[in-house]
Amino acid sequence: MKRNDIIDFKALEKELQAALTADEKYKRENAAKLRAVEQRVASYEEFRGIVLASHLKPLEQKDKIGGKRTVPWNCHTIQGRPSQDETTEISPVGENAPPARDLG
């Protein structure tokens, strides 16, 4: 067998996965386009928004509001916690200050 006849299965699998992903994207976006046309959207912006959001999936029942959240959405609004703001002290001029440079 010649060196050129060797099949690189990893590259072949990578190419196949890329082709499958592209095919899924095409089908998903095409279905979104058909849905948008069927809904008779009022503007191109609405049509484009539907197509661009075609990769989003609806929430599952367990993901809806009312469930227990393990991670706060905004840790700065939680009451009872001290603020984690850092304080930066600025030393007076001349005290441990680097020498001024002439930029002119």
Protein backbone atom coordinates (compact mmCIF):
# COMPACT_ATOMS: atom_id res chain seq x y z
CA MET A 1 0.00 0.00 0.00
CA LYS A 2 1.35 3.41 -0.92
CA ARG A 3 1.62 6.21 1.61
CA ASN A 4 -1.04 8.24 -0.26
CA ASP A 5 -3.53 5.37 0.04
CA ILE A 6 -3.70 5.50 3.86
CA ILE A 7 -7.06 6.74 5.14
CA ASP A 8 -7.03 9.19 8.03
CA PHE A 9 -10.11 8.08 9.94
CA LYS A 10 -9.91 10.91 12.50
CA ALA A 11 -9.97 13.53 9.74
CA LEU A 12 -12.74 11.64 7.97
CA GLU A 13 -14.82 11.49 11.16
CA LYS A 14 -14.21 15.20 11.81
CA GLU A 15 -15.34 16.03 8.27
CA LEU A 16 -18.43 13.85 8.68
CA GLN A 17 -19.36 15.54 11.98
CA ALA A 18 -18.96 18.98 10.38
CA ALA A 19 -21.18 17.93 7.47
CA LEU A 20 -23.83 16.52 9.84
CA THR A 21 -23.78 19.71 11.91
CA ALA A 22 -24.14 21.87 8.79
CA ASP A 23 -27.01 19.69 7.57
CA GLU A 24 -28.82 19.97 10.92
CA LYS A 25 -28.37 23.75 10.86
CA TYR A 26 -29.74 23.97 7.32
CA LYS A 27 -32.81 21.88 8.18
CA ARG A 28 -33.46 23.82 11.40
CA GLU A 29 -33.17 27.23 9.71
CA ASN A 30 -35.24 26.12 6.72
CA ALA A 31 -38.03 24.91 9.03
CA ALA A 32 -37.89 28.27 10.86
CA LYS A 33 -38.16 30.12 7.54
CA LEU A 34 -41.20 28.09 6.54
CA ARG A 35 -42.80 28.72 9.96
CA ALA A 36 -42.15 32.46 9.64
CA VAL A 37 -43.70 32.59 6.17
CA GLU A 38 -46.69 30.58 7.39
CA GLN A 39 -47.15 33.03 10.28
CA ARG A 40 -47.09 35.93 7.80
CA VAL A 41 -44.66 38.02 9.83
CA ALA A 42 -45.01 41.78 9.37
CA SER A 43 -41.39 42.65 8.65
CA TYR A 44 -38.07 41.24 7.59
CA GLU A 45 -36.70 41.91 11.09
CA GLU A 46 -39.29 39.55 12.61
CA PHE A 47 -38.51 36.94 9.95
CA ARG A 48 -34.78 37.27 10.59
CA GLY A 49 -35.31 37.07 14.35
CA ILE A 50 -37.25 33.82 14.01
CA VAL A 51 -34.52 32.30 11.84
CA LEU A 52 -31.68 33.49 14.10
CA ALA A 53 -33.47 32.11 17.18
CA SER A 54 -34.11 28.73 15.58
CA HIS A 55 -31.35 27.09 17.63
CA LEU A 56 -33.10 27.96 20.91
CA LYS A 57 -35.14 25.28 22.62
CA PRO A 58 -38.20 25.84 24.83
CA LEU A 59 -37.84 25.53 28.58
CA GLU A 60 -38.64 22.23 30.17
CA GLN A 61 -41.05 21.99 33.09
CA LYS A 62 -38.17 21.70 35.57
CA ASP A 63 -36.55 24.89 34.19
CA LYS A 64 -39.54 27.15 34.79
CA ILE A 65 -39.87 29.81 37.47
CA GLY A 66 -40.60 28.49 40.93
CA GLY A 67 -37.92 25.85 40.94
CA LYS A 68 -34.99 26.02 43.31
CA ARG A 69 -32.04 27.96 41.94
CA THR A 70 -28.60 26.89 43.03
CA VAL A 71 -26.79 29.91 41.58
CA PRO A 72 -28.03 33.47 42.21
CA TRP A 73 -28.70 35.51 39.11
CA ASN A 74 -27.27 38.67 40.64
CA CYS A 75 -25.15 38.17 43.73
CA HIS A 76 -25.07 41.93 44.45
CA THR A 77 -28.80 42.04 45.20
CA ILE A 78 -28.84 39.28 47.80
CA GLN A 79 -29.71 40.75 51.19
CA GLY A 80 -27.73 39.88 54.28
CA ARG A 81 -24.43 39.53 52.49
CA PRO A 82 -21.72 42.14 52.89
CA SER A 83 -20.66 43.94 49.75
CA GLN A 84 -17.63 42.48 48.04
CA ASP A 85 -16.48 45.83 46.66
CA GLU A 86 -12.77 46.39 46.98
CA THR A 87 -11.36 49.60 48.39
CA THR A 88 -8.37 51.10 46.67
CA GLU A 89 -6.25 53.52 48.62
CA ILE A 90 -4.49 56.29 46.73
CA SER A 91 -1.28 57.50 48.31
CA PRO A 92 -0.59 61.25 48.42
CA VAL A 93 1.61 62.70 45.67
CA GLY A 94 5.29 62.12 46.27
CA GLU A 95 4.78 59.22 48.66
CA ASN A 96 5.84 55.96 46.97
CA ALA A 97 4.85 57.44 43.62
CA PRO A 98 6.75 56.52 40.46
CA PRO A 99 8.70 59.35 38.83
CA ALA A 100 6.79 61.43 36.29
CA ARG A 101 7.70 60.96 32.65
CA ASP A 102 7.80 63.66 30.02
CA LEU A 103 5.53 62.51 27.20
CA GLY A 104 5.97 65.65 25.10
